[in-house]
Amino acid sequence: MKRSNGKIYVAITGGIGSGKSAAAKAVAELGFPVLSADEAGRAVYAEEDVKKRICAAFPDCAEGDKIDRKKLAEIVFHDASRKKQLEEVTHPAIMRRLFAEADAVKGGAVFFEIPLLFESGMQDLFDHIIVIMRDRVHRIRAVCARDGLSEGEVIARMQNQWDYEKNLPGGHTVLYNDGDLPSLYGKVRKVVHDILSDR
């Protein structure tokens, strides 16, 4: 994809507990800008158009001019059709915000940490995608320790996400997080070098 701003957009994605954030931190330590979809996702709830559309679709979650995000999360977690309805509002808004931020940063390459890239159907917006893979047992342990969740709660969240083990997308860079943190950082450095050397 040739961009008018001359930049390369690289997404970092993977399942919950795979090590996306650690990989993104490694990229940032190499000196590249890294934008977070999670941060953008929190910010879009303050946008007037987004608030209006969510409140109209989920009136029980409206609290004056604010949204009860905990109640909203409870609704969409247990109802796939309602989750899709919410994402049709939030995902485009998140991408607009991220790309606006990307336009403002300096440098020839911008990296994005995007947990739900393939779920949202936004993969074609990027020049390159790095998929972080990690075995299921270590992913569950990592999320239990990080978020204080039970194994069952983590598995329930995993079941609501793209299954990279069964549906590993072709044509993208796959990075296996199967060692310690220094090992992951070394792999990230190599992947970033390889991606940018091909441009």
Protein backbone atom coordinates (compact mmCIF):
# COMPACT_ATOMS: atom_id res chain seq x y z
CA MET A 1 0.00 0.00 0.00
CA LYS A 2 1.49 3.34 -1.05
CA ARG A 3 0.57 6.15 1.33
CA SER A 4 0.54 9.82 0.52
CA ASN A 5 2.48 10.50 3.74
CA GLY A 6 5.19 8.03 2.71
CA LYS A 7 4.92 6.04 5.94
CA ILE A 8 4.79 2.30 6.53
CA TYR A 9 2.04 1.09 8.88
CA VAL A 10 2.81 -2.13 10.77
CA ALA A 11 0.26 -3.82 13.05
CA ILE A 12 1.22 -6.02 16.00
CA THR A 13 -1.51 -8.46 16.97
CA GLY A 14 -2.15 -11.84 18.58
CA GLY A 15 -4.41 -13.52 21.12
CA ILE A 16 -4.82 -12.54 24.75
CA GLY A 17 -1.67 -13.34 26.74
CA SER A 18 0.45 -13.86 23.64
CA GLY A 19 2.92 -11.08 24.45
CA LYS A 20 1.71 -8.29 22.15
CA SER A 21 2.42 -5.57 24.66
CA ALA A 22 5.92 -6.87 25.35
CA ALA A 23 6.61 -6.98 21.61
CA ALA A 24 5.23 -3.46 21.20
CA LYS A 25 7.46 -2.25 24.04
CA ALA A 26 10.45 -3.83 22.33
CA VAL A 27 9.60 -1.93 19.13
CA ALA A 28 9.26 1.32 21.09
CA GLU A 29 12.67 0.75 22.67
CA LEU A 30 14.10 0.52 19.17
CA GLY A 31 12.95 4.12 18.72
CA PHE A 32 9.83 3.62 16.59
CA PRO A 33 6.46 5.18 17.40
CA VAL A 34 3.94 2.61 18.70
CA LEU A 35 0.26 3.50 18.94
CA SER A 36 -2.19 1.54 21.09
CA ALA A 37 -5.67 0.53 19.94
CA ASP A 38 -6.63 -0.02 23.58
CA GLU A 39 -5.76 3.58 24.43
CA ALA A 40 -7.65 4.82 21.38
CA GLY A 41 -10.55 2.57 22.34
CA ARG A 42 -10.85 4.24 25.72
CA ALA A 43 -10.64 7.69 24.15
CA VAL A 44 -13.37 7.19 21.54
CA TYR A 45 -16.02 6.83 24.24
CA ALA A 46 -15.58 10.55 24.88
CA GLU A 47 -16.34 11.44 21.24
CA GLU A 48 -19.81 12.94 20.89
CA ASP A 49 -20.80 10.99 17.80
CA VAL A 50 -19.67 7.69 19.33
CA LYS A 51 -21.46 8.40 22.62
CA LYS A 52 -24.66 9.32 20.79
CA ARG A 53 -24.68 6.16 18.69
CA ILE A 54 -23.87 3.87 21.63
CA CYS A 55 -26.49 5.46 23.85
CA ALA A 56 -29.08 5.04 21.08
CA ALA A 57 -28.17 1.36 20.59
CA PHE A 58 -27.72 0.58 24.31
CA PRO A 59 -30.07 2.96 26.20
CA ASP A 60 -29.75 0.96 29.44
CA CYS A 61 -26.05 1.88 29.50
CA ALA A 62 -26.59 5.63 29.18
CA GLU A 63 -25.96 7.68 32.31
CA GLY A 64 -26.67 11.26 31.31
CA ASP A 65 -23.93 12.20 28.87
CA LYS A 66 -21.76 9.25 29.93
CA ILE A 67 -21.75 5.53 29.19
CA ASP A 68 -21.69 2.84 31.87
CA ARG A 69 -18.92 0.82 30.25
CA LYS A 70 -19.07 -1.94 32.85
CA LYS A 71 -22.73 -2.57 32.11
CA LEU A 72 -22.02 -2.31 28.39
CA ALA A 73 -19.23 -4.90 28.68
CA GLU A 74 -21.53 -7.31 30.52
CA ILE A 75 -24.12 -7.05 27.74
CA VAL A 76 -21.78 -7.59 24.78
CA PHE A 77 -19.66 -10.29 26.44
CA HIS A 78 -22.63 -12.65 26.51
CA ASP A 79 -24.28 -11.65 23.23
CA ALA A 80 -22.30 -11.92 19.99
CA SER A 81 -24.85 -9.93 17.95
CA ARG A 82 -24.78 -7.04 20.43
CA LYS A 83 -20.98 -7.18 20.52
CA LYS A 84 -20.93 -6.85 16.73
CA GLN A 85 -23.35 -3.93 16.97
CA LEU A 86 -21.02 -2.12 19.37
CA GLU A 87 -17.91 -2.87 17.33
CA GLU A 88 -19.52 -1.44 14.19
CA VAL A 89 -19.47 1.89 16.04
CA THR A 90 -16.19 1.68 17.94
CA HIS A 91 -13.80 -0.05 15.53
CA PRO A 92 -13.98 2.54 12.71
CA ALA A 93 -13.72 5.33 15.29
CA ILE A 94 -10.63 3.70 16.81
CA MET A 95 -8.94 3.37 13.42
CA ARG A 96 -9.72 6.99 12.51
CA ARG A 97 -8.14 8.14 15.77
CA LEU A 98 -5.09 5.90 15.35
CA PHE A 99 -4.43 6.99 11.78
CA ALA A 100 -4.85 10.65 12.73
CA GLU A 101 -2.20 10.11 15.43
CA ALA A 102 0.01 8.27 12.93
CA ASP A 103 -0.18 11.16 10.47
CA ALA A 104 1.12 13.49 13.19
CA VAL A 105 4.18 11.48 14.24
CA LYS A 106 7.58 11.77 12.61
CA GLY A 107 9.41 8.91 10.98
CA GLY A 108 8.95 6.54 8.08
CA ALA A 109 7.42 3.61 10.01
CA VAL A 110 4.60 3.59 12.54
CA PHE A 111 3.68 0.52 14.59
CA PHE A 112 0.25 -0.20 16.05
CA GLU A 113 -0.63 -2.60 18.87
CA ILE A 114 -4.06 -3.92 17.88
CA PRO A 115 -5.52 -6.86 19.85
CA LEU A 116 -8.64 -7.45 17.72
CA LEU A 117 -7.22 -6.81 14.27
CA PHE A 118 -8.67 -9.78 12.38
CA GLU A 119 -11.88 -9.80 14.43
CA SER A 120 -12.52 -6.23 13.31
CA GLY A 121 -11.68 -6.92 9.65
CA MET A 122 -9.18 -4.05 9.64
CA GLN A 123 -6.12 -6.06 8.55
CA ASP A 124 -6.10 -4.67 5.00
CA LEU A 125 -5.45 -1.16 6.35
CA PHE A 126 -1.86 -2.09 7.19
CA ASP A 127 1.23 -2.61 5.07
CA HIS A 128 2.53 -5.39 7.26
CA ILE A 129 1.24 -7.46 10.19
CA ILE A 130 3.24 -9.15 12.93
CA VAL A 131 1.29 -11.97 14.61
CA ILE A 132 2.57 -12.93 18.08
CA MET A 133 2.01 -16.61 18.83
CA ARG A 134 2.37 -18.35 22.20
CA ASP A 135 1.21 -21.72 23.48
CA ARG A 136 -2.17 -21.83 25.18
CA VAL A 137 -0.92 -22.91 28.63
CA HIS A 138 1.52 -20.01 28.94
CA ARG A 139 -1.10 -17.56 27.66
CA ILE A 140 -3.59 -18.67 30.32
CA ARG A 141 -0.99 -18.48 33.09
CA ALA A 142 0.14 -15.02 31.98
CA VAL A 143 -3.37 -13.55 31.92
CA CYS A 144 -4.32 -15.15 35.26
CA ALA A 145 -1.26 -13.56 36.85
CA ARG A 146 -1.68 -10.21 35.11
CA ASP A 147 -5.42 -9.67 35.55
CA GLY A 148 -6.22 -11.77 38.60
CA LEU A 149 -8.69 -13.90 36.64
CA SER A 150 -9.50 -17.56 37.07
CA GLU A 151 -8.46 -20.06 34.41
CA GLY A 152 -12.11 -20.43 33.38
CA GLU A 153 -12.50 -16.67 32.93
CA VAL A 154 -9.40 -16.49 30.77
CA ILE A 155 -10.55 -19.41 28.61
CA ALA A 156 -13.95 -17.70 28.15
CA ARG A 157 -12.19 -14.59 26.89
CA MET A 158 -10.01 -16.63 24.58
CA GLN A 159 -13.07 -18.26 23.07
CA ASN A 160 -14.40 -14.84 22.12
CA GLN A 161 -11.25 -14.01 20.16
CA TRP A 162 -9.76 -15.04 16.86
CA ASP A 163 -8.27 -18.54 17.11
CA TYR A 164 -4.79 -18.07 15.67
CA GLU A 165 -3.91 -21.73 16.23
CA LYS A 166 -6.70 -22.87 13.89
CA ASN A 167 -6.92 -19.82 11.63
CA LEU A 168 -3.40 -18.52 11.30
CA PRO A 169 -3.59 -15.89 8.52
CA GLY A 170 -1.19 -16.37 5.63
CA GLY A 171 1.09 -13.72 4.17
CA HIS A 172 2.03 -12.18 7.51
CA THR A 173 5.04 -12.37 9.81
CA VAL A 174 4.53 -14.87 12.63
CA LEU A 175 6.69 -14.42 15.72
CA TYR A 176 6.69 -17.27 18.24
CA ASN A 177 6.96 -16.09 21.83
CA ASP A 178 8.34 -19.37 23.16
CA GLY A 179 11.25 -18.22 25.32
CA ASP A 180 12.15 -15.58 27.87
CA LEU A 181 11.81 -11.81 27.48
CA PRO A 182 15.32 -11.22 26.06
CA SER A 183 14.58 -13.92 23.48
CA LEU A 184 11.35 -12.16 22.49
CA TYR A 185 13.15 -8.82 22.21
CA GLY A 186 15.78 -10.39 19.97
CA LYS A 187 13.11 -11.83 17.68
CA VAL A 188 11.32 -8.49 17.52
CA ARG A 189 14.54 -6.70 16.53
CA LYS A 190 15.10 -9.18 13.71
CA VAL A 191 11.51 -8.99 12.47
CA VAL A 192 11.53 -5.19 12.45
CA HIS A 193 14.85 -5.15 10.60
CA ASP A 194 13.56 -7.64 8.02
CA ILE A 195 10.32 -5.71 7.44
CA LEU A 196 12.03 -2.36 6.98
CA SER A 197 14.85 -3.81 4.87
CA ASP A 198 12.31 -5.05 2.33
CA ARG A 199 10.94 -1.53 1.79
